[in-house]
């Protein structure tokens, strides 16, 4: 019985391990897949795959937040609901490739018809697709989109 408990504990701890290469951000929160309830992001956010903000859901990104996306053209942030990114001049929000531009680009931020967004004091780096789609409901003030270097 004791051996079985140890095995189960070992298996559970393996499931809780963050993806490789995250040593620089031990307090990062990890996301991928569908966001179906409203949430707020602060600190360091790691996106380990495509993220879809579903209709009726709002993601609010606080000043100074870093959103680091796994490299790969398929790793988009798709907005079908609302994405509110409100940095301030002293604490802009950064969207970047995890590992920096040298790791390769990520997909970008794609707005679908009927979605809305706010980008205030935001830098988007190394996103192959930048900010695209139906941008009629998206306001921008202090948004900088930088290609990879």
Protein backbone atom coordinates (compact mmCIF):
# COMPACT_ATOMS: atom_id res chain seq x y z
CA UNK A 1 0.00 0.00 0.00
CA UNK A 2 2.82 2.42 0.88
CA UNK A 3 4.48 1.88 -2.53
CA UNK A 4 1.18 2.64 -4.29
CA UNK A 5 0.74 5.91 -2.35
CA UNK A 6 4.29 6.99 -3.24
CA UNK A 7 3.66 6.15 -6.90
CA UNK A 8 0.45 8.21 -6.91
CA UNK A 9 2.20 11.15 -5.26
CA UNK A 10 5.02 10.99 -7.80
CA UNK A 11 2.55 10.84 -10.70
CA UNK A 12 0.59 13.82 -9.32
CA UNK A 13 3.73 15.91 -8.94
CA UNK A 14 4.68 15.26 -12.58
CA UNK A 15 1.31 16.61 -13.72
CA UNK A 16 1.87 19.81 -11.74
CA UNK A 17 5.20 20.64 -13.36
CA UNK A 18 5.16 23.73 -15.61
CA UNK A 19 6.41 23.41 -19.19
CA UNK A 20 10.18 23.35 -19.71
CA UNK A 21 12.05 26.62 -20.02
CA UNK A 22 10.07 28.60 -17.45
CA UNK A 23 12.84 29.04 -14.90
CA UNK A 24 12.98 32.81 -15.42
CA UNK A 25 9.35 33.26 -14.30
CA UNK A 26 8.62 30.93 -11.38
CA UNK A 27 5.37 32.77 -10.47
CA UNK A 28 3.94 32.81 -14.00
CA UNK A 29 0.38 31.68 -14.61
CA UNK A 30 -0.19 29.38 -17.58
CA UNK A 31 -3.09 29.42 -20.04
CA UNK A 32 -4.14 27.78 -23.31
CA UNK A 33 -7.44 26.77 -24.87
CA UNK A 34 -10.77 28.49 -24.26
CA UNK A 35 -11.45 31.30 -21.81
CA UNK A 36 -15.17 31.03 -21.02
CA UNK A 37 -15.40 33.13 -17.84
CA UNK A 38 -14.10 36.63 -17.30
CA UNK A 39 -10.66 36.89 -15.73
CA UNK A 40 -7.96 39.39 -14.93
CA UNK A 41 -4.27 38.93 -15.72
CA UNK A 42 -1.37 40.47 -13.81
CA UNK A 43 2.32 39.70 -13.41
CA UNK A 44 3.68 37.17 -15.90
CA UNK A 45 1.26 35.19 -18.04
CA UNK A 46 2.53 32.30 -20.17
CA UNK A 47 0.43 31.13 -23.10
CA UNK A 48 1.50 27.62 -24.05
CA UNK A 49 -0.74 27.32 -27.11
CA UNK A 50 -3.63 28.97 -28.90
CA UNK A 51 -5.96 30.93 -26.62
CA UNK A 52 -9.58 31.76 -27.52
CA UNK A 53 -11.51 34.36 -25.51
CA UNK A 54 -15.07 33.14 -26.04
CA UNK A 55 -18.22 35.21 -26.51
CA UNK A 56 -19.41 36.64 -23.19
CA UNK A 57 -15.95 36.41 -21.58
CA UNK A 58 -13.66 39.35 -20.86
CA UNK A 59 -9.92 39.19 -20.24
CA UNK A 60 -8.62 42.31 -18.49
CA UNK A 61 -4.85 42.79 -18.51
CA UNK A 62 -3.45 44.97 -15.73
CA UNK A 63 -0.64 47.55 -16.07
CA UNK A 64 2.88 46.10 -16.13
CA UNK A 65 1.74 42.60 -17.13
CA UNK A 66 3.95 40.52 -19.44
CA UNK A 67 2.11 38.06 -21.69
CA UNK A 68 4.68 35.61 -23.05
CA UNK A 69 3.45 33.37 -25.87
CA UNK A 70 5.01 30.08 -26.90
CA UNK A 71 6.70 30.49 -30.31
CA UNK A 72 4.71 29.22 -33.27
CA UNK A 73 2.55 30.82 -35.96
CA UNK A 74 -0.47 28.81 -34.75
CA UNK A 75 -0.26 30.33 -31.26
CA UNK A 76 -2.76 33.14 -31.69
CA UNK A 77 -4.87 34.96 -29.19
CA UNK A 78 -8.33 34.81 -30.77
CA UNK A 79 -10.84 37.31 -29.42
CA UNK A 80 -14.52 36.46 -29.79
CA UNK A 81 -15.44 38.27 -26.54
CA UNK A 82 -13.52 41.22 -25.03
CA UNK A 83 -9.82 41.87 -24.46
CA UNK A 84 -9.12 44.94 -22.33
CA UNK A 85 -5.43 45.79 -22.10
CA UNK A 86 -4.86 48.93 -20.07
CA UNK A 87 -1.26 49.75 -19.37
CA UNK A 88 -0.09 53.13 -18.15
CA UNK A 89 2.95 55.06 -19.36
CA UNK A 90 4.99 53.99 -16.31
CA UNK A 91 3.82 50.36 -16.59
CA UNK A 92 3.05 49.37 -20.18
CA UNK A 93 1.77 45.89 -21.00
CA UNK A 94 4.00 43.64 -23.10
CA UNK A 95 2.95 40.81 -25.41
CA UNK A 96 6.07 38.93 -26.57
CA UNK A 97 7.41 35.55 -27.57
CA UNK A 98 8.43 33.40 -24.61
CA UNK A 99 12.22 33.36 -24.82
CA UNK A 100 12.37 36.60 -26.81
CA UNK A 101 12.27 37.23 -30.54
CA UNK A 102 15.24 34.95 -31.15
CA UNK A 103 13.02 31.99 -30.13
CA UNK A 104 10.78 32.74 -33.13
CA UNK A 105 7.50 34.57 -33.69
CA UNK A 106 4.10 33.78 -32.25
CA UNK A 107 0.84 34.13 -34.18
CA UNK A 108 -0.66 37.45 -33.09
CA UNK A 109 -3.98 38.79 -31.84
CA UNK A 110 -7.01 38.08 -34.05
CA UNK A 111 -10.35 39.84 -33.50
CA UNK A 112 -13.52 38.20 -34.80
CA UNK A 113 -16.65 40.14 -35.87
CA UNK A 114 -18.57 41.38 -32.82
CA UNK A 115 -15.56 41.23 -30.50
CA UNK A 116 -14.17 44.30 -28.75
CA UNK A 117 -10.84 45.41 -27.39
CA UNK A 118 -8.93 48.21 -25.75
CA UNK A 119 -5.15 48.66 -26.08
CA UNK A 120 -3.66 51.47 -24.00
CA UNK A 121 0.11 51.71 -23.56
CA UNK A 122 0.84 48.28 -25.01
CA UNK A 123 3.82 46.78 -26.87
CA UNK A 124 3.25 43.76 -29.09
CA UNK A 125 6.57 42.16 -30.09
CA UNK A 126 7.50 39.32 -32.43
CA UNK A 127 3.91 38.53 -33.43
CA UNK A 128 3.86 37.30 -37.02
CA UNK A 129 0.25 38.39 -37.49
CA UNK A 130 0.36 41.49 -35.27
CA UNK A 131 -3.11 42.81 -34.52
CA UNK A 132 -5.62 41.78 -37.19
CA UNK A 133 -9.16 40.80 -38.08
CA UNK A 134 -12.28 42.89 -37.48
CA UNK A 135 -10.83 45.87 -35.63
CA UNK A 136 -14.01 48.00 -35.75
CA UNK A 137 -14.61 47.48 -32.01
CA UNK A 138 -10.97 47.93 -30.98
CA UNK A 139 -9.65 51.21 -29.58
CA UNK A 140 -5.92 51.92 -29.56
CA UNK A 141 -3.91 54.56 -27.73
CA UNK A 142 -0.18 54.13 -27.24
CA UNK A 143 -0.08 50.77 -29.06
CA UNK A 144 3.30 49.83 -30.54
CA UNK A 145 3.70 46.75 -32.73
CA UNK A 146 7.33 45.68 -33.21
CA UNK A 147 8.62 43.06 -35.61
CA UNK A 148 11.21 40.57 -34.37
CA UNK A 149 14.83 41.63 -34.16
